[in-house]
């Protein structure tokens, strides 16, 4: 059994759960949390939650509780370089990865842990933002899931037409010239959630939910992460370009996109979902980037539609 890791239950909303340390095949320590179904004897499957950049296990406690009530176990991960997983640079505030494919090593460690715990099959996938990019790659890598929900997936990053060639050029030069560990332009060490206000934030229109995010990081500063490195930016741009050239998988899928999205590229999402066999794109009026941290009417709609998807591809309850 993997070693126990800290689990900040209070900020997760106190659902029953536990965290463990996992060591990936390349020697990086990541943290995985899991939550059982409310009635394990009647469990219908397990949701593999792939969080976004800067996120951490406890952020998904409330969502896991919703799934648990409907018979689904859940797992979530602190990717390498964030949460309390191993940070990859001496400056732990910089979001960094050596190559984007390394996230697949974390995903494989998570899946092996799910099997070792004996969590119920079948598996379903939930990918938010950067986790949506990692999740799409995992589908091409053959991850064994029955369905997938994407929340504002990072299949493109919003930036102006004038800035795009600069982002590509500067981030590409940073590798051979040795400054790839510096923050990408406009980024800084202080985490975004603590340097903006509820009115100005681009994550959620719900002030109460934004306050929850701030309290998470005030209570546990070790979870906070600043902006990405130039190297991370280049790796992400290359991965998103590579994924855009692939056909959409033939797998049941629903994707959520807020009409006030300002972080990931809605055009890339709409193009992808237009060519996803049987896929559904749900655009949420007034929602921002974090649809699972939105005002309750929006959030409830997302949870209900996601559960319909998972229900449709899981064993029927007796």
Protein backbone atom coordinates (compact mmCIF):
# COMPACT_ATOMS: atom_id res chain seq x y z
CA UNK A 1 0.00 0.00 0.00
CA UNK A 2 1.21 3.50 -0.82
CA UNK A 3 2.27 5.76 2.04
CA UNK A 4 -0.36 8.03 3.56
CA UNK A 5 -0.15 11.71 2.55
CA UNK A 6 -1.71 14.78 4.16
CA UNK A 7 -5.41 15.27 3.44
CA UNK A 8 -6.81 18.69 4.29
CA UNK A 9 -10.30 17.41 4.96
CA UNK A 10 -11.74 20.67 6.30
CA UNK A 11 -11.15 22.64 3.11
CA UNK A 12 -12.36 19.67 1.05
CA UNK A 13 -15.71 19.96 2.81
CA UNK A 14 -15.05 16.96 5.07
CA UNK A 15 -16.17 14.13 2.76
CA UNK A 16 -14.77 10.74 3.76
CA UNK A 17 -11.49 10.33 1.94
CA UNK A 18 -7.76 9.80 2.15
CA UNK A 19 -4.60 10.78 0.32
CA UNK A 20 -1.49 8.79 -0.57
CA UNK A 21 1.95 9.52 -1.98
CA UNK A 22 2.75 7.81 -5.27
CA UNK A 23 6.14 7.58 -6.95
CA UNK A 24 6.07 7.79 -10.74
CA UNK A 25 8.36 5.69 -12.91
CA UNK A 26 10.71 8.67 -13.31
CA UNK A 27 10.97 9.18 -9.55
CA UNK A 28 8.60 12.13 -9.00
CA UNK A 29 6.36 12.06 -5.92
CA UNK A 30 2.74 12.99 -6.60
CA UNK A 31 -0.26 13.02 -4.27
CA UNK A 32 -3.54 11.24 -5.01
CA UNK A 33 -6.75 11.54 -3.00
CA UNK A 34 -9.69 9.17 -3.16
CA UNK A 35 -13.27 9.24 -1.93
CA UNK A 36 -15.48 6.12 -1.79
CA UNK A 37 -19.07 5.91 -2.93
CA UNK A 38 -21.49 6.62 -0.08
CA UNK A 39 -22.58 2.96 -0.15
CA UNK A 40 -19.55 0.99 -1.42
CA UNK A 41 -21.66 -2.18 -1.71
CA UNK A 42 -23.75 -0.46 -4.38
CA UNK A 43 -20.92 1.46 -6.10
CA UNK A 44 -21.38 1.99 -9.83
CA UNK A 45 -17.91 3.10 -10.90
CA UNK A 46 -15.06 5.53 -10.28
CA UNK A 47 -14.50 9.04 -11.60
CA UNK A 48 -10.88 9.88 -12.42
CA UNK A 49 -10.55 13.63 -11.84
CA UNK A 50 -7.76 15.39 -13.76
CA UNK A 51 -7.43 18.87 -12.22
CA UNK A 52 -6.28 22.04 -13.92
CA UNK A 53 -3.03 23.97 -13.57
CA UNK A 54 -2.51 25.27 -10.00
CA UNK A 55 -5.19 22.95 -8.60
CA UNK A 56 -5.02 20.34 -5.84
CA UNK A 57 -6.94 17.33 -4.53
CA UNK A 58 -9.11 19.12 -1.96
CA UNK A 59 -10.61 21.50 -4.50
CA UNK A 60 -12.68 18.58 -5.77
CA UNK A 61 -14.03 17.41 -2.40
CA UNK A 62 -17.45 18.95 -2.97
CA UNK A 63 -17.72 17.42 -6.44
CA UNK A 64 -16.60 14.04 -5.09
CA UNK A 65 -19.34 14.25 -2.45
CA UNK A 66 -21.93 14.81 -5.17
CA UNK A 67 -20.65 11.77 -7.07
CA UNK A 68 -20.47 9.66 -3.89
CA UNK A 69 -24.14 10.31 -3.17
CA UNK A 70 -24.98 8.83 -6.57
CA UNK A 71 -22.83 5.72 -6.23
CA UNK A 72 -19.52 6.82 -7.70
CA UNK A 73 -16.10 6.76 -6.06
CA UNK A 74 -13.67 9.51 -7.12
CA UNK A 75 -9.94 10.11 -7.26
CA UNK A 76 -8.01 13.34 -7.88
CA UNK A 77 -4.32 14.12 -8.22
CA UNK A 78 -1.78 16.81 -7.43
CA UNK A 79 0.14 16.80 -10.72
CA UNK A 80 3.90 17.09 -10.58
CA UNK A 81 4.90 20.70 -9.98
CA UNK A 82 1.75 21.73 -8.10
CA UNK A 83 -0.25 21.16 -4.94
CA UNK A 84 2.01 19.36 -2.49
CA UNK A 85 3.43 17.04 -5.12
CA UNK A 86 7.13 17.47 -5.87
CA UNK A 87 7.86 20.92 -7.26
CA UNK A 88 10.33 20.75 -10.11
CA UNK A 89 12.27 23.99 -9.64
CA UNK A 90 14.11 25.63 -6.76
CA UNK A 91 11.57 28.46 -7.01
CA UNK A 92 8.47 26.47 -6.04
CA UNK A 93 6.18 29.32 -7.12
CA UNK A 94 6.92 28.64 -10.81
CA UNK A 95 4.60 26.21 -12.58
CA UNK A 96 6.88 23.93 -14.57
CA UNK A 97 7.11 20.59 -16.35
CA UNK A 98 10.06 19.13 -18.24
CA UNK A 99 7.96 17.73 -21.10
CA UNK A 100 4.19 17.71 -21.29
CA UNK A 101 4.17 13.94 -21.78
CA UNK A 102 5.43 13.62 -18.18
CA UNK A 103 1.88 14.25 -16.99
CA UNK A 104 0.97 10.91 -18.55
CA UNK A 105 3.38 9.25 -16.10
CA UNK A 106 1.40 10.83 -13.27
CA UNK A 107 -1.87 9.64 -14.83
CA UNK A 108 -0.55 6.09 -15.13
CA UNK A 109 0.53 6.12 -11.48
CA UNK A 110 -2.97 7.31 -10.52
CA UNK A 111 -4.64 4.52 -12.50
CA UNK A 112 -2.37 1.87 -10.98
CA UNK A 113 -3.27 3.21 -7.53
CA UNK A 114 -7.00 3.05 -8.34
CA UNK A 115 -6.59 -0.61 -9.25
CA UNK A 116 -4.52 -1.33 -6.13
CA UNK A 117 -7.24 0.23 -3.96
CA UNK A 118 -9.85 -1.93 -5.66
CA UNK A 119 -12.05 1.05 -6.51
CA UNK A 120 -15.10 0.03 -8.53
CA UNK A 121 -15.16 -0.23 -12.30
CA UNK A 122 -16.04 1.06 -14.82
CA UNK A 123 -13.98 4.24 -14.85
CA UNK A 124 -15.08 7.66 -16.09
CA UNK A 125 -12.87 10.67 -16.74
CA UNK A 126 -13.32 14.31 -15.72
CA UNK A 127 -10.77 16.80 -17.05
CA UNK A 128 -10.76 20.48 -16.15
CA UNK A 129 -8.67 23.08 -18.01
CA UNK A 130 -5.08 21.75 -18.21
CA UNK A 131 -6.51 18.46 -16.95
CA UNK A 132 -8.69 18.43 -20.05
CA UNK A 133 -5.58 18.63 -22.21
CA UNK A 134 -3.93 15.81 -20.25
CA UNK A 135 -7.16 13.79 -20.35
CA UNK A 136 -7.47 14.06 -24.13
CA UNK A 137 -3.91 12.80 -24.53
CA UNK A 138 -4.71 9.96 -22.10
CA UNK A 139 -7.60 8.91 -24.34
CA UNK A 140 -5.21 8.62 -27.27
CA UNK A 141 -2.86 6.66 -24.99
CA UNK A 142 -5.65 4.14 -24.39
CA UNK A 143 -6.81 4.91 -20.85
CA UNK A 144 -9.68 2.53 -20.03
CA UNK A 145 -12.70 4.76 -19.41
CA UNK A 146 -16.33 4.49 -20.50
CA UNK A 147 -17.08 8.21 -20.83
CA UNK A 148 -15.50 11.62 -20.35
CA UNK A 149 -16.60 15.05 -19.11
CA UNK A 150 -14.51 18.10 -19.97
CA UNK A 151 -14.78 21.40 -18.10
CA UNK A 152 -13.32 24.36 -20.01
CA UNK A 153 -10.62 22.09 -21.48
CA UNK A 154 -7.27 23.65 -22.35
CA UNK A 155 -7.20 22.77 -26.04
CA UNK A 156 -6.05 26.30 -26.78
CA UNK A 157 -5.08 29.36 -24.72
CA UNK A 158 -6.73 32.73 -25.24
CA UNK A 159 -4.29 35.36 -26.47
CA UNK A 160 -4.39 38.10 -29.05
CA UNK A 161 -3.28 37.47 -32.62
CA UNK A 162 -0.39 39.88 -32.08
CA UNK A 163 0.79 38.09 -28.94
CA UNK A 164 0.64 34.54 -30.29
CA UNK A 165 3.83 34.65 -32.44
CA UNK A 166 5.65 36.36 -29.55
CA UNK A 167 4.56 33.63 -27.15
CA UNK A 168 5.73 30.94 -29.55
CA UNK A 169 9.00 32.66 -30.37
CA UNK A 170 10.02 33.70 -26.86
CA UNK A 171 9.07 30.38 -25.27
CA UNK A 172 10.87 28.43 -28.00
CA UNK A 173 14.05 30.49 -27.59
CA UNK A 174 13.95 30.07 -23.82
CA UNK A 175 14.95 26.41 -24.08
CA UNK A 176 18.24 26.63 -26.01
CA UNK A 177 19.17 29.97 -24.41
CA UNK A 178 18.63 28.67 -20.89
CA UNK A 179 15.95 30.99 -19.50
CA UNK A 180 13.02 28.58 -19.69
CA UNK A 181 12.63 28.54 -15.90
CA UNK A 182 11.62 32.20 -15.81
CA UNK A 183 7.98 33.19 -15.54
CA UNK A 184 6.12 33.57 -18.81
CA UNK A 185 5.39 37.26 -19.66
CA UNK A 186 2.81 38.79 -17.35
CA UNK A 187 3.08 36.00 -14.78
CA UNK A 188 4.32 36.28 -11.21
CA UNK A 189 5.04 34.35 -8.02
CA UNK A 190 1.90 35.30 -6.10
CA UNK A 191 -0.92 32.92 -6.93
CA UNK A 192 -3.72 34.43 -9.01
CA UNK A 193 -6.48 33.63 -6.51
CA UNK A 194 -4.82 35.75 -3.80
CA UNK A 195 -3.89 38.72 -5.98
CA UNK A 196 -7.28 39.45 -7.48
CA UNK A 197 -10.75 40.19 -6.13
CA UNK A 198 -14.11 38.46 -6.37
CA UNK A 199 -15.33 41.18 -8.75
CA UNK A 200 -12.32 41.03 -11.05
CA UNK A 201 -11.52 37.29 -11.07
CA UNK A 202 -11.88 35.26 -14.27
CA UNK A 203 -12.60 31.95 -12.53
CA UNK A 204 -16.15 32.18 -11.16
CA UNK A 205 -19.01 34.67 -11.11
CA UNK A 206 -19.97 33.44 -7.63
CA UNK A 207 -18.37 35.57 -4.91
CA UNK A 208 -18.94 32.94 -2.21
CA UNK A 209 -17.15 30.28 -4.24
CA UNK A 210 -14.26 32.63 -4.93
CA UNK A 211 -13.98 33.32 -1.20
CA UNK A 212 -13.75 29.54 -0.63
CA UNK A 213 -10.82 29.35 -3.05
CA UNK A 214 -9.06 32.18 -1.24
CA UNK A 215 -9.62 30.55 2.13
CA UNK A 216 -8.12 27.29 0.85
CA UNK A 217 -4.83 29.00 0.09
CA UNK A 218 -4.82 31.22 3.16
CA UNK A 219 -5.24 28.16 5.37
CA UNK A 220 -2.78 26.01 3.41
CA UNK A 221 -0.24 28.23 1.61
CA UNK A 222 1.73 25.13 0.58
CA UNK A 223 -0.99 24.45 -2.02
CA UNK A 224 -0.47 27.79 -3.80
CA UNK A 225 1.24 28.06 -7.18
CA UNK A 226 2.24 31.12 -9.19
CA UNK A 227 2.42 31.58 -12.94
CA UNK A 228 3.86 29.12 -15.45
CA UNK A 229 7.40 29.09 -16.73
CA UNK A 230 8.32 29.94 -20.31
CA UNK A 231 9.28 26.29 -20.72
CA UNK A 232 5.83 25.16 -19.52
CA UNK A 233 4.22 27.60 -21.93
CA UNK A 234 6.17 26.19 -24.87
CA UNK A 235 5.45 22.61 -23.89
CA UNK A 236 1.75 23.36 -23.58
CA UNK A 237 1.60 25.16 -26.93
CA UNK A 238 3.28 22.21 -28.64
CA UNK A 239 0.97 19.70 -26.97
CA UNK A 240 -2.18 21.63 -27.85
CA UNK A 241 -1.05 21.95 -31.47
CA UNK A 242 -0.33 18.23 -31.65
CA UNK A 243 -3.70 17.33 -30.16
CA UNK A 244 -5.54 19.64 -32.56
CA UNK A 245 -4.31 17.49 -35.45
CA UNK A 246 -5.84 14.31 -34.02
CA UNK A 247 -9.39 13.10 -34.72
CA UNK A 248 -11.81 13.15 -31.82
CA UNK A 249 -12.08 9.82 -29.98
CA UNK A 250 -15.21 7.74 -30.44
CA UNK A 251 -16.21 7.89 -26.77
CA UNK A 252 -19.30 9.31 -25.03
CA UNK A 253 -18.45 12.89 -24.09
CA UNK A 254 -19.96 16.09 -22.73
CA UNK A 255 -18.01 19.37 -22.58
CA UNK A 256 -18.95 22.49 -20.63
CA UNK A 257 -17.97 26.00 -21.66
CA UNK A 258 -18.96 29.26 -19.97
CA UNK A 259 -20.02 32.19 -22.12
CA UNK A 260 -17.64 34.38 -20.07
CA UNK A 261 -14.63 32.11 -20.57
CA UNK A 262 -11.44 34.19 -20.81
CA UNK A 263 -8.61 31.71 -20.12
CA UNK A 264 -8.88 28.85 -22.59
CA UNK A 265 -9.83 29.27 -26.25
CA UNK A 266 -13.57 28.71 -26.93
CA UNK A 267 -12.95 28.49 -30.68
CA UNK A 268 -10.72 25.43 -30.25
CA UNK A 269 -13.31 23.83 -27.97
CA UNK A 270 -16.17 24.41 -30.39
CA UNK A 271 -14.15 23.07 -33.32
CA UNK A 272 -13.17 19.94 -31.40
CA UNK A 273 -16.69 19.22 -30.18
CA UNK A 274 -18.15 19.78 -33.66
CA UNK A 275 -16.16 16.75 -34.79
CA UNK A 276 -16.60 14.54 -31.72
CA UNK A 277 -18.79 11.54 -32.62
CA UNK A 278 -21.84 11.76 -30.40
CA UNK A 279 -20.21 14.44 -28.26
CA UNK A 280 -22.21 17.27 -26.69
CA UNK A 281 -21.09 20.83 -26.04
CA UNK A 282 -23.04 22.64 -23.31
CA UNK A 283 -22.51 26.41 -23.22
CA UNK A 284 -23.40 27.94 -19.87
CA UNK A 285 -24.75 31.48 -19.90
CA UNK A 286 -22.87 33.74 -17.49
CA UNK A 287 -20.36 31.09 -16.39
CA UNK A 288 -16.63 31.74 -16.24
CA UNK A 289 -13.75 29.26 -16.26
CA UNK A 290 -14.55 27.17 -13.17
CA UNK A 291 -17.96 25.71 -13.97
CA UNK A 292 -17.75 23.39 -10.93
CA UNK A 293 -17.19 26.44 -8.70
CA UNK A 294 -19.97 28.53 -10.22
CA UNK A 295 -23.23 29.84 -8.76
CA UNK A 296 -25.41 26.95 -7.62
CA UNK A 297 -27.92 26.94 -10.51
CA UNK A 298 -25.05 26.62 -12.99
CA UNK A 299 -23.09 24.14 -10.90
CA UNK A 300 -26.16 21.97 -10.28
CA UNK A 301 -26.79 21.80 -14.01
CA UNK A 302 -23.21 20.70 -14.65
CA UNK A 303 -23.33 18.00 -11.97
CA UNK A 304 -26.71 16.69 -13.13
CA UNK A 305 -25.68 16.46 -16.79
CA UNK A 306 -22.35 14.84 -15.88
CA UNK A 307 -24.10 12.23 -13.74
CA UNK A 308 -26.51 11.44 -16.58
CA UNK A 309 -23.50 10.72 -18.77
CA UNK A 310 -21.80 8.51 -16.18
CA UNK A 311 -25.09 6.79 -15.30
CA UNK A 312 -25.72 5.91 -18.93
CA UNK A 313 -22.41 4.07 -19.13
CA UNK A 314 -22.36 2.33 -15.74
CA UNK A 315 -24.09 -0.78 -14.37
CA UNK A 316 -27.71 -0.18 -13.40
CA UNK A 317 -28.48 -0.06 -9.69
CA UNK A 318 -30.26 -3.16 -8.38
